[in-house]
Amino acid sequence: MTYRNDADREDFIERLGISWELAFFSLKAMELIGFKICVHLRKSAS
C-alpha cells in the first residue's frame, strides 16, 4: 500500500485506530450481553 504523503498515512492510521476501538467495544458489549443471558437462563432453570 502506498501513500501520497504523510497526511494520508496519518489519516489512515487514525481511521484504523477508531475501528479498533469500535471492534473492542462491540466485543466487550457482546461479552456482557452473553453473560447476562447466561445468568438469566440459570435463574429461570433453577
PDB file of N, CA and C in Angstrom:
ATOM      1  N   MET A   1       0.850  -1.206   0.000  1.00  0.00           N
ATOM      2  CA  MET A   1       0.000   0.000   0.000  1.00  0.00           C
ATOM      3  C   MET A   1       0.883   1.252   0.000  1.00  0.00           C
ATOM      4  N   THR A   2       0.601   2.151  -0.916  1.00  0.00           N
ATOM      5  CA  THR A   2       1.416   3.369  -0.998  1.00  0.00           C
ATOM      6  C   THR A   2       0.600   4.586  -0.601  1.00  0.00           C
ATOM      7  N   TYR A   3       1.297   5.574  -0.096  1.00  0.00           N
ATOM      8  CA  TYR A   3       0.643   6.805   0.340  1.00  0.00           C
ATOM      9  C   TYR A   3       1.220   7.976  -0.433  1.00  0.00           C
ATOM     10  N   ARG A   4       0.373   8.941  -0.766  1.00  0.00           N
ATOM     11  CA  ARG A   4       0.852  10.127  -1.479  1.00  0.00           C
ATOM     12  C   ARG A   4       1.709  10.990  -0.565  1.00  0.00           C
ATOM     13  N   ASN A   5       1.314  11.070   0.696  1.00  0.00           N
ATOM     14  CA  ASN A   5       2.100  11.869   1.644  1.00  0.00           C
ATOM     15  C   ASN A   5       1.833  11.424   3.073  1.00  0.00           C
ATOM     16  N   ASP A   6       2.513  12.011   4.030  1.00  0.00           N
ATOM     17  CA  ASP A   6       2.366  11.631   5.439  1.00  0.00           C
ATOM     18  C   ASP A   6       0.957  11.864   5.965  1.00  0.00           C
ATOM     19  N   ALA A   7       0.312  12.920   5.481  1.00  0.00           N
ATOM     20  CA  ALA A   7      -1.039  13.236   5.970  1.00  0.00           C
ATOM     21  C   ALA A   7      -2.002  12.097   5.636  1.00  0.00           C
ATOM     22  N   ASP A   8      -1.887  11.533   4.451  1.00  0.00           N
ATOM     23  CA  ASP A   8      -2.738  10.409   4.057  1.00  0.00           C
ATOM     24  C   ASP A   8      -2.507   9.223   4.978  1.00  0.00           C
ATOM     25  N   ARG A   9      -1.237   8.977   5.284  1.00  0.00           N
ATOM     26  CA  ARG A   9      -0.900   7.843   6.133  1.00  0.00           C
ATOM     27  C   ARG A   9      -1.459   8.034   7.541  1.00  0.00           C
ATOM     28  N   GLU A  10      -1.306   9.229   8.071  1.00  0.00           N
ATOM     29  CA  GLU A  10      -1.823   9.509   9.415  1.00  0.00           C
ATOM     30  C   GLU A  10      -3.341   9.390   9.452  1.00  0.00           C
ATOM     31  N   ASP A  11      -3.999   9.840   8.406  1.00  0.00           N
ATOM     32  CA  ASP A  11      -5.454   9.745   8.332  1.00  0.00           C
ATOM     33  C   ASP A  11      -5.884   8.281   8.326  1.00  0.00           C
ATOM     34  N   PHE A  12      -5.144   7.463   7.587  1.00  0.00           N
ATOM     35  CA  PHE A  12      -5.446   6.033   7.507  1.00  0.00           C
ATOM     36  C   PHE A  12      -5.264   5.375   8.871  1.00  0.00           C
ATOM     37  N   ILE A  13      -4.152   5.687   9.539  1.00  0.00           N
ATOM     38  CA  ILE A  13      -3.872   5.121  10.861  1.00  0.00           C
ATOM     39  C   ILE A  13      -4.938   5.559  11.857  1.00  0.00           C
ATOM     40  N   GLU A  14      -5.371   6.811  11.756  1.00  0.00           N
ATOM     41  CA  GLU A  14      -6.394   7.329  12.663  1.00  0.00           C
ATOM     42  C   GLU A  14      -7.697   6.556  12.492  1.00  0.00           C
ATOM     43  N   ARG A  15      -8.080   6.316  11.260  1.00  0.00           N
ATOM     44  CA  ARG A  15      -9.317   5.569  10.985  1.00  0.00           C
ATOM     45  C   ARG A  15      -9.188   4.141  11.487  1.00  0.00           C
ATOM     46  N   LEU A  16      -8.017   3.559  11.328  1.00  0.00           N
ATOM     47  CA  LEU A  16      -7.760   2.196  11.783  1.00  0.00           C
ATOM     48  C   LEU A  16      -7.906   2.132  13.299  1.00  0.00           C
ATOM     49  N   GLY A  17      -7.383   3.159  13.986  1.00  0.00           N
ATOM     50  CA  GLY A  17      -7.485   3.221  15.436  1.00  0.00           C
ATOM     51  C   GLY A  17      -8.926   3.301  15.898  1.00  0.00           C
ATOM     52  N   ILE A  18      -9.726   4.081  15.185  1.00  0.00           N
ATOM     53  CA  ILE A  18     -11.134   4.228  15.545  1.00  0.00           C
ATOM     54  C   ILE A  18     -11.867   2.899  15.351  1.00  0.00           C
ATOM     55  N   SER A  19     -11.585   2.215  14.254  1.00  0.00           N
ATOM     56  CA  SER A  19     -12.260   0.935  14.009  1.00  0.00           C
ATOM     57  C   SER A  19     -11.809  -0.122  15.013  1.00  0.00           C
ATOM     58  N   TRP A  20     -10.552  -0.009  15.477  1.00  0.00           N
ATOM     59  CA  TRP A  20     -10.061  -0.928  16.508  1.00  0.00           C
ATOM     60  C   TRP A  20     -10.850  -0.737  17.784  1.00  0.00           C
ATOM     61  N   GLU A  21     -11.009   0.539  18.192  1.00  0.00           N
ATOM     62  CA  GLU A  21     -11.754   0.848  19.407  1.00  0.00           C
ATOM     63  C   GLU A  21     -13.189   0.355  19.295  1.00  0.00           C
ATOM     64  N   LEU A  22     -13.776   0.541  18.123  1.00  0.00           N
ATOM     65  CA  LEU A  22     -15.157   0.127  17.892  1.00  0.00           C
ATOM     66  C   LEU A  22     -15.283  -1.394  17.990  1.00  0.00           C
ATOM     67  N   ALA A  23     -14.340  -2.097  17.388  1.00  0.00           N
ATOM     68  CA  ALA A  23     -14.353  -3.564  17.433  1.00  0.00           C
ATOM     69  C   ALA A  23     -14.190  -4.058  18.873  1.00  0.00           C
ATOM     70  N   PHE A  24     -13.264  -3.429  19.613  1.00  0.00           N
ATOM     71  CA  PHE A  24     -13.028  -3.815  21.001  1.00  0.00           C
ATOM     72  C   PHE A  24     -14.275  -3.565  21.837  1.00  0.00           C
ATOM     73  N   PHE A  25     -14.914  -2.407  21.617  1.00  0.00           N
ATOM     74  CA  PHE A  25     -16.113  -2.056  22.371  1.00  0.00           C
ATOM     75  C   PHE A  25     -17.256  -3.018  22.079  1.00  0.00           C
ATOM     76  N   SER A  26     -17.446  -3.354  20.814  1.00  0.00           N
ATOM     77  CA  SER A  26     -18.543  -4.269  20.461  1.00  0.00           C
ATOM     78  C   SER A  26     -18.280  -5.668  21.012  1.00  0.00           C
ATOM     79  N   LEU A  27     -16.989  -6.057  21.076  1.00  0.00           N
ATOM     80  CA  LEU A  27     -16.640  -7.352  21.654  1.00  0.00           C
ATOM     81  C   LEU A  27     -16.994  -7.378  23.133  1.00  0.00           C
ATOM     82  N   LYS A  28     -16.662  -6.291  23.847  1.00  0.00           N
ATOM     83  CA  LYS A  28     -16.975  -6.197  25.268  1.00  0.00           C
ATOM     84  C   LYS A  28     -18.487  -6.200  25.480  1.00  0.00           C
ATOM     85  N   ALA A  29     -19.206  -5.503  24.622  1.00  0.00           N
ATOM     86  CA  ALA A  29     -20.668  -5.443  24.732  1.00  0.00           C
ATOM     87  C   ALA A  29     -21.267  -6.836  24.531  1.00  0.00           C
ATOM     88  N   MET A  30     -20.738  -7.579  23.555  1.00  0.00           N
ATOM     89  CA  MET A  30     -21.233  -8.916  23.294  1.00  0.00           C
ATOM     90  C   MET A  30     -20.964  -9.841  24.481  1.00  0.00           C
ATOM     91  N   GLU A  31     -19.778  -9.690  25.099  1.00  0.00           N
ATOM     92  CA  GLU A  31     -19.454 -10.492  26.286  1.00  0.00           C
ATOM     93  C   GLU A  31     -20.447 -10.213  27.398  1.00  0.00           C
ATOM     94  N   LEU A  32     -20.736  -8.934  27.607  1.00  0.00           N
ATOM     95  CA  LEU A  32     -21.649  -8.526  28.669  1.00  0.00           C
ATOM     96  C   LEU A  32     -23.053  -9.064  28.415  1.00  0.00           C
ATOM     97  N   ILE A  33     -23.515  -8.957  27.170  1.00  0.00           N
ATOM     98  CA  ILE A  33     -24.849  -9.445  26.818  1.00  0.00           C
ATOM     99  C   ILE A  33     -24.905 -10.968  27.000  1.00  0.00           C
ATOM    100  N   GLY A  34     -23.847 -11.647  26.547  1.00  0.00           N
ATOM    101  CA  GLY A  34     -23.795 -13.102  26.695  1.00  0.00           C
ATOM    102  C   GLY A  34     -23.835 -13.510  28.159  1.00  0.00           C
ATOM    103  N   PHE A  35     -23.109 -12.771  28.995  1.00  0.00           N
ATOM    104  CA  PHE A  35     -23.081 -13.057  30.423  1.00  0.00           C
ATOM    105  C   PHE A  35     -24.461 -12.866  31.041  1.00  0.00           C
ATOM    106  N   LYS A  36     -25.133 -11.782  30.655  1.00  0.00           N
ATOM    107  CA  LYS A  36     -26.473 -11.505  31.189  1.00  0.00           C
ATOM    108  C   LYS A  36     -27.463 -12.580  30.760  1.00  0.00           C
ATOM    109  N   ILE A  37     -27.338 -13.058  29.530  1.00  0.00           N
ATOM    110  CA  ILE A  37     -28.226 -14.123  29.043  1.00  0.00           C
ATOM    111  C   ILE A  37     -27.990 -15.406  29.841  1.00  0.00           C
ATOM    112  N   CYS A  38     -26.703 -15.713  30.082  1.00  0.00           N
ATOM    113  CA  CYS A  38     -26.374 -16.927  30.869  1.00  0.00           C
ATOM    114  C   CYS A  38     -26.968 -16.838  32.260  1.00  0.00           C
ATOM    115  N   VAL A  39     -26.819 -15.706  32.906  1.00  0.00           N
ATOM    116  CA  VAL A  39     -27.358 -15.517  34.260  1.00  0.00           C
ATOM    117  C   VAL A  39     -28.876 -15.671  34.238  1.00  0.00           C
ATOM    118  N   HIS A  40     -29.507 -15.077  33.228  1.00  0.00           N
ATOM    119  CA  HIS A  40     -30.961 -15.144  33.101  1.00  0.00           C
ATOM    120  C   HIS A  40     -31.419 -16.593  32.901  1.00  0.00           C
ATOM    121  N   LEU A  41     -30.708 -17.337  32.057  1.00  0.00           N
ATOM    122  CA  LEU A  41     -31.070 -18.733  31.797  1.00  0.00           C
ATOM    123  C   LEU A  41     -30.906 -19.583  33.054  1.00  0.00           C
ATOM    124  N   ARG A  42     -29.843 -19.315  33.790  1.00  0.00           N
ATOM    125  CA  ARG A  42     -29.609 -20.076  35.024  1.00  0.00           C
ATOM    126  C   ARG A  42     -30.707 -19.816  36.048  1.00  0.00           C
ATOM    127  N   LYS A  43     -31.119 -18.562  36.137  1.00  0.00           N
ATOM    128  CA  LYS A  43     -32.165 -18.200  37.100  1.00  0.00           C
ATOM    129  C   LYS A  43     -33.484 -18.878  36.733  1.00  0.00           C
ATOM    130  N   SER A  44     -33.815 -18.874  35.445  1.00  0.00           N
ATOM    131  CA  SER A  44     -35.086 -19.470  35.034  1.00  0.00           C
ATOM    132  C   SER A  44     -35.025 -21.003  35.087  1.00  0.00           C
ATOM    133  N   ALA A  45     -33.823 -21.569  34.989  1.00  0.00           N
ATOM    134  CA  ALA A  45     -33.673 -23.028  35.036  1.00  0.00           C
ATOM    135  C   ALA A  45     -33.846 -23.553  36.457  1.00  0.00           C
ATOM    136  N   SER A  46     -33.331 -22.811  37.424  1.00  0.00           N
ATOM    137  CA  SER A  46     -33.404 -23.297  38.809  1.00  0.00           C
ATOM    138  C   SER A  46     -34.764 -23.080  39.445  1.00  0.00           C
TER     139      SER A  46
END
